[in-house]
Amino acid sequence: MIDRDALADALARARPLILGHGGDIAVTNVGEDGVVRVALTGACRACPNLAMTFVGPVRTFLMAVPGVSDVECDQVKAGPRALSRLASLLNAHPYPAA
């Protein structure tokens, strides 16, 4: 079970980084299995760095929340191997390379 207050705190940490670039983030679903689905809005939708924002601060902050097993974003079109390499370059939470 995911602590909703901890999830809100993690979003509060990531949100200023995204708002500063004209975007925002919303949780669209929290599954029973601990998978949190997010959507990036505003300027993020057309940003070429969307994958970097997702794998870097967004996924890293949310994966630190107890009970979160994974974080997904349908807008990210990069494959698991590319996201794993990106996470490594950013010193972010590891992304499974599949």
N, C-alpha and C. Protein backbone atom coordinates (compact mmCIF):
# COMPACT_ATOMS: atom_id res chain seq x y z
N MET A 1 0.84 -1.18 0.00
CA MET A 1 0.00 0.00 0.00
C MET A 1 0.89 1.24 0.00
N ILE A 2 0.57 2.16 -0.89
CA ILE A 2 1.33 3.40 -1.02
C ILE A 2 0.78 4.45 -0.09
N ASP A 3 1.66 5.09 0.64
CA ASP A 3 1.30 6.19 1.52
C ASP A 3 1.01 7.42 0.65
N ARG A 4 -0.24 7.83 0.58
CA ARG A 4 -0.65 8.95 -0.28
C ARG A 4 0.01 10.27 0.12
N ASP A 5 0.26 10.45 1.43
CA ASP A 5 0.93 11.68 1.86
C ASP A 5 2.38 11.70 1.37
N ALA A 6 3.06 10.56 1.44
CA ALA A 6 4.43 10.47 0.96
C ALA A 6 4.48 10.68 -0.55
N LEU A 7 3.47 10.17 -1.26
CA LEU A 7 3.40 10.36 -2.71
C LEU A 7 3.21 11.85 -3.03
N ALA A 8 2.34 12.51 -2.29
CA ALA A 8 2.12 13.95 -2.48
C ALA A 8 3.39 14.74 -2.18
N ASP A 9 4.14 14.34 -1.15
CA ASP A 9 5.40 15.00 -0.83
C ASP A 9 6.42 14.84 -1.96
N ALA A 10 6.49 13.63 -2.53
CA ALA A 10 7.42 13.39 -3.63
C ALA A 10 7.05 14.24 -4.84
N LEU A 11 5.77 14.34 -5.13
CA LEU A 11 5.33 15.20 -6.23
C LEU A 11 5.67 16.66 -5.96
N ALA A 12 5.53 17.07 -4.72
CA ALA A 12 5.84 18.45 -4.34
C ALA A 12 7.33 18.76 -4.55
N ARG A 13 8.18 17.74 -4.42
CA ARG A 13 9.61 17.94 -4.67
C ARG A 13 9.91 18.05 -6.16
N ALA A 14 9.20 17.27 -6.98
CA ALA A 14 9.46 17.26 -8.42
C ALA A 14 8.79 18.43 -9.14
N ARG A 15 7.63 18.82 -8.67
CA ARG A 15 6.81 19.81 -9.37
C ARG A 15 7.54 21.15 -9.64
N PRO A 16 8.26 21.76 -8.70
CA PRO A 16 8.91 23.05 -9.01
C PRO A 16 9.88 22.97 -10.17
N LEU A 17 10.54 21.84 -10.34
CA LEU A 17 11.46 21.68 -11.45
C LEU A 17 10.72 21.70 -12.78
N ILE A 18 9.52 21.15 -12.78
CA ILE A 18 8.72 21.07 -13.99
C ILE A 18 7.99 22.39 -14.25
N LEU A 19 7.43 22.98 -13.19
CA LEU A 19 6.73 24.27 -13.34
C LEU A 19 7.66 25.36 -13.86
N GLY A 20 8.92 25.30 -13.46
CA GLY A 20 9.90 26.28 -13.90
C GLY A 20 10.13 26.28 -15.41
N HIS A 21 9.70 25.21 -16.08
CA HIS A 21 9.86 25.10 -17.53
C HIS A 21 8.52 25.15 -18.25
N GLY A 22 7.47 25.56 -17.53
CA GLY A 22 6.17 25.72 -18.16
C GLY A 22 5.32 24.47 -18.23
N GLY A 23 5.70 23.46 -17.49
CA GLY A 23 4.93 22.21 -17.49
C GLY A 23 4.34 21.92 -16.13
N ASP A 24 3.77 20.75 -16.01
CA ASP A 24 3.24 20.28 -14.73
C ASP A 24 3.16 18.76 -14.80
N ILE A 25 2.84 18.16 -13.68
CA ILE A 25 2.74 16.71 -13.58
C ILE A 25 1.49 16.35 -12.81
N ALA A 26 0.88 15.25 -13.21
CA ALA A 26 -0.31 14.76 -12.52
C ALA A 26 -0.21 13.25 -12.42
N VAL A 27 -0.64 12.72 -11.29
CA VAL A 27 -0.76 11.27 -11.13
C VAL A 27 -2.10 10.89 -11.75
N THR A 28 -2.07 9.96 -12.70
CA THR A 28 -3.31 9.54 -13.37
C THR A 28 -3.85 8.24 -12.81
N ASN A 29 -3.00 7.46 -12.15
CA ASN A 29 -3.47 6.19 -11.59
C ASN A 29 -2.45 5.67 -10.59
N VAL A 30 -2.96 5.09 -9.52
CA VAL A 30 -2.12 4.38 -8.56
C VAL A 30 -2.70 2.97 -8.46
N GLY A 31 -1.95 2.01 -8.97
CA GLY A 31 -2.44 0.64 -9.01
C GLY A 31 -2.25 -0.09 -7.70
N GLU A 32 -3.03 -1.13 -7.52
CA GLU A 32 -2.91 -1.99 -6.34
C GLU A 32 -1.52 -2.63 -6.25
N ASP A 33 -0.88 -2.78 -7.42
CA ASP A 33 0.44 -3.40 -7.49
C ASP A 33 1.57 -2.42 -7.20
N GLY A 34 1.23 -1.17 -6.88
CA GLY A 34 2.24 -0.16 -6.56
C GLY A 34 2.75 0.62 -7.76
N VAL A 35 2.17 0.39 -8.92
CA VAL A 35 2.59 1.12 -10.12
C VAL A 35 1.85 2.46 -10.16
N VAL A 36 2.63 3.53 -10.25
CA VAL A 36 2.09 4.88 -10.31
C VAL A 36 2.22 5.36 -11.76
N ARG A 37 1.13 5.81 -12.33
CA ARG A 37 1.13 6.33 -13.68
C ARG A 37 1.01 7.86 -13.60
N VAL A 38 1.85 8.53 -14.38
CA VAL A 38 1.86 9.99 -14.38
C VAL A 38 1.68 10.52 -15.80
N ALA A 39 1.26 11.77 -15.88
CA ALA A 39 1.17 12.49 -17.15
C ALA A 39 1.84 13.83 -16.96
N LEU A 40 2.66 14.20 -17.92
CA LEU A 40 3.30 15.51 -17.93
C LEU A 40 2.47 16.40 -18.85
N THR A 41 2.18 17.61 -18.41
CA THR A 41 1.30 18.49 -19.13
C THR A 41 2.00 19.81 -19.47
N GLY A 42 1.28 20.70 -20.11
CA GLY A 42 1.82 22.02 -20.45
C GLY A 42 2.95 21.89 -21.46
N ALA A 43 3.99 22.64 -21.26
CA ALA A 43 5.13 22.65 -22.18
C ALA A 43 5.83 21.30 -22.25
N CYS A 44 5.66 20.46 -21.25
CA CYS A 44 6.32 19.15 -21.23
C CYS A 44 5.85 18.27 -22.39
N ARG A 45 4.62 18.45 -22.81
CA ARG A 45 4.06 17.59 -23.87
C ARG A 45 4.86 17.66 -25.16
N ALA A 46 5.44 18.79 -25.48
CA ALA A 46 6.19 18.95 -26.72
C ALA A 46 7.70 19.04 -26.48
N CYS A 47 8.13 18.81 -25.29
CA CYS A 47 9.54 18.99 -24.94
C CYS A 47 10.38 17.79 -25.40
N PRO A 48 11.50 18.05 -26.06
CA PRO A 48 12.37 16.95 -26.47
C PRO A 48 13.07 16.27 -25.30
N ASN A 49 13.04 16.90 -24.15
CA ASN A 49 13.69 16.33 -22.96
C ASN A 49 12.70 15.64 -22.03
N LEU A 50 11.52 15.29 -22.51
CA LEU A 50 10.50 14.67 -21.69
C LEU A 50 11.01 13.39 -21.02
N ALA A 51 11.72 12.55 -21.76
CA ALA A 51 12.24 11.30 -21.19
C ALA A 51 13.23 11.59 -20.06
N MET A 52 14.06 12.61 -20.24
CA MET A 52 15.03 12.96 -19.22
C MET A 52 14.33 13.47 -17.96
N THR A 53 13.31 14.27 -18.11
CA THR A 53 12.55 14.77 -16.96
C THR A 53 11.87 13.61 -16.24
N PHE A 54 11.29 12.70 -17.00
CA PHE A 54 10.61 11.56 -16.40
C PHE A 54 11.58 10.65 -15.65
N VAL A 55 12.66 10.24 -16.30
CA VAL A 55 13.60 9.30 -15.68
C VAL A 55 14.39 9.97 -14.56
N GLY A 56 14.69 11.25 -14.72
CA GLY A 56 15.47 11.96 -13.72
C GLY A 56 14.68 12.24 -12.46
N PRO A 57 14.20 13.46 -12.29
CA PRO A 57 13.55 13.81 -11.03
C PRO A 57 12.21 13.12 -10.79
N VAL A 58 11.36 13.01 -11.80
CA VAL A 58 10.01 12.47 -11.56
C VAL A 58 10.08 11.04 -11.05
N ARG A 59 10.65 10.15 -11.83
CA ARG A 59 10.69 8.74 -11.45
C ARG A 59 11.53 8.52 -10.19
N THR A 60 12.64 9.22 -10.08
CA THR A 60 13.51 9.06 -8.92
C THR A 60 12.80 9.45 -7.63
N PHE A 61 12.13 10.60 -7.61
CA PHE A 61 11.43 11.02 -6.40
C PHE A 61 10.28 10.07 -6.06
N LEU A 62 9.52 9.65 -7.07
CA LEU A 62 8.37 8.78 -6.80
C LEU A 62 8.80 7.37 -6.40
N MET A 63 9.89 6.87 -6.95
CA MET A 63 10.36 5.52 -6.58
C MET A 63 10.86 5.48 -5.14
N ALA A 64 11.15 6.62 -4.56
CA ALA A 64 11.60 6.67 -3.17
C ALA A 64 10.44 6.52 -2.19
N VAL A 65 9.21 6.58 -2.68
CA VAL A 65 8.03 6.46 -1.83
C VAL A 65 7.80 4.98 -1.49
N PRO A 66 7.71 4.65 -0.21
CA PRO A 66 7.47 3.25 0.16
C PRO A 66 6.19 2.72 -0.49
N GLY A 67 6.30 1.54 -1.07
CA GLY A 67 5.16 0.91 -1.71
C GLY A 67 5.09 1.11 -3.21
N VAL A 68 5.84 2.08 -3.74
CA VAL A 68 5.85 2.30 -5.18
C VAL A 68 6.78 1.26 -5.81
N SER A 69 6.22 0.46 -6.72
CA SER A 69 7.01 -0.58 -7.37
C SER A 69 7.53 -0.14 -8.73
N ASP A 70 6.85 0.80 -9.36
CA ASP A 70 7.30 1.33 -10.64
C ASP A 70 6.54 2.62 -10.93
N VAL A 71 7.09 3.41 -11.84
CA VAL A 71 6.45 4.65 -12.28
C VAL A 71 6.43 4.59 -13.80
N GLU A 72 5.27 4.86 -14.38
CA GLU A 72 5.11 4.80 -15.84
C GLU A 72 4.51 6.10 -16.36
N CYS A 73 4.89 6.40 -17.60
CA CYS A 73 4.36 7.59 -18.28
C CYS A 73 4.20 7.23 -19.75
N ASP A 74 2.96 7.20 -20.23
CA ASP A 74 2.68 6.83 -21.61
C ASP A 74 3.29 7.78 -22.63
N GLN A 75 3.61 8.98 -22.21
CA GLN A 75 4.15 9.97 -23.13
C GLN A 75 5.61 9.70 -23.50
N VAL A 76 6.30 8.92 -22.68
CA VAL A 76 7.71 8.62 -22.92
C VAL A 76 7.77 7.53 -23.99
N LYS A 77 8.40 7.83 -25.10
CA LYS A 77 8.44 6.91 -26.23
C LYS A 77 9.77 6.17 -26.36
N ALA A 78 10.69 6.38 -25.45
CA ALA A 78 11.98 5.68 -25.49
C ALA A 78 11.82 4.28 -24.91
N GLY A 79 12.64 3.37 -25.38
CA GLY A 79 12.61 1.99 -24.91
C GLY A 79 13.31 1.83 -23.57
N PRO A 80 13.12 0.68 -22.93
CA PRO A 80 13.71 0.42 -21.62
C PRO A 80 15.23 0.54 -21.60
N ARG A 81 15.89 0.07 -22.66
CA ARG A 81 17.36 0.14 -22.69
C ARG A 81 17.84 1.59 -22.72
N ALA A 82 17.20 2.42 -23.54
CA ALA A 82 17.57 3.84 -23.61
C ALA A 82 17.29 4.54 -22.29
N LEU A 83 16.15 4.22 -21.66
CA LEU A 83 15.81 4.84 -20.38
C LEU A 83 16.77 4.38 -19.28
N SER A 84 17.21 3.14 -19.35
CA SER A 84 18.18 2.65 -18.38
C SER A 84 19.51 3.40 -18.50
N ARG A 85 19.95 3.59 -19.73
CA ARG A 85 21.20 4.34 -19.96
C ARG A 85 21.05 5.79 -19.52
N LEU A 86 19.91 6.39 -19.80
CA LEU A 86 19.65 7.77 -19.39
C LEU A 86 19.65 7.89 -17.87
N ALA A 87 19.00 6.96 -17.19
CA ALA A 87 18.98 6.98 -15.72
C ALA A 87 20.39 6.87 -15.17
N SER A 88 21.20 6.04 -15.78
CA SER A 88 22.59 5.88 -15.33
C SER A 88 23.37 7.18 -15.52
N LEU A 89 23.20 7.83 -16.66
CA LEU A 89 23.89 9.10 -16.92
C LEU A 89 23.47 10.21 -15.97
N LEU A 90 22.20 10.17 -15.55
CA LEU A 90 21.67 11.20 -14.66
C LEU A 90 21.85 10.87 -13.17
N ASN A 91 22.46 9.71 -12.90
CA ASN A 91 22.56 9.23 -11.51
C ASN A 91 21.19 9.18 -10.86
N ALA A 92 20.20 8.76 -11.64
CA ALA A 92 18.82 8.67 -11.18
C ALA A 92 18.53 7.25 -10.69
N HIS A 93 17.33 7.05 -10.19
CA HIS A 93 16.93 5.71 -9.78
C HIS A 93 17.08 4.77 -10.97
N PRO A 94 17.69 3.61 -10.79
CA PRO A 94 17.90 2.69 -11.92
C PRO A 94 16.59 2.34 -12.63
N TYR A 95 16.68 2.26 -13.93
CA TYR A 95 15.53 1.87 -14.76
C TYR A 95 15.83 0.48 -15.29
N PRO A 96 14.90 -0.46 -15.15
CA PRO A 96 15.18 -1.82 -15.62
C PRO A 96 15.37 -1.85 -17.15
N ALA A 97 16.45 -2.45 -17.60
CA ALA A 97 16.79 -2.47 -19.03
C ALA A 97 16.03 -3.54 -19.81
N ALA A 98 15.19 -4.29 -19.16
CA ALA A 98 14.35 -5.34 -19.75
C ALA A 98 15.09 -6.49 -20.29
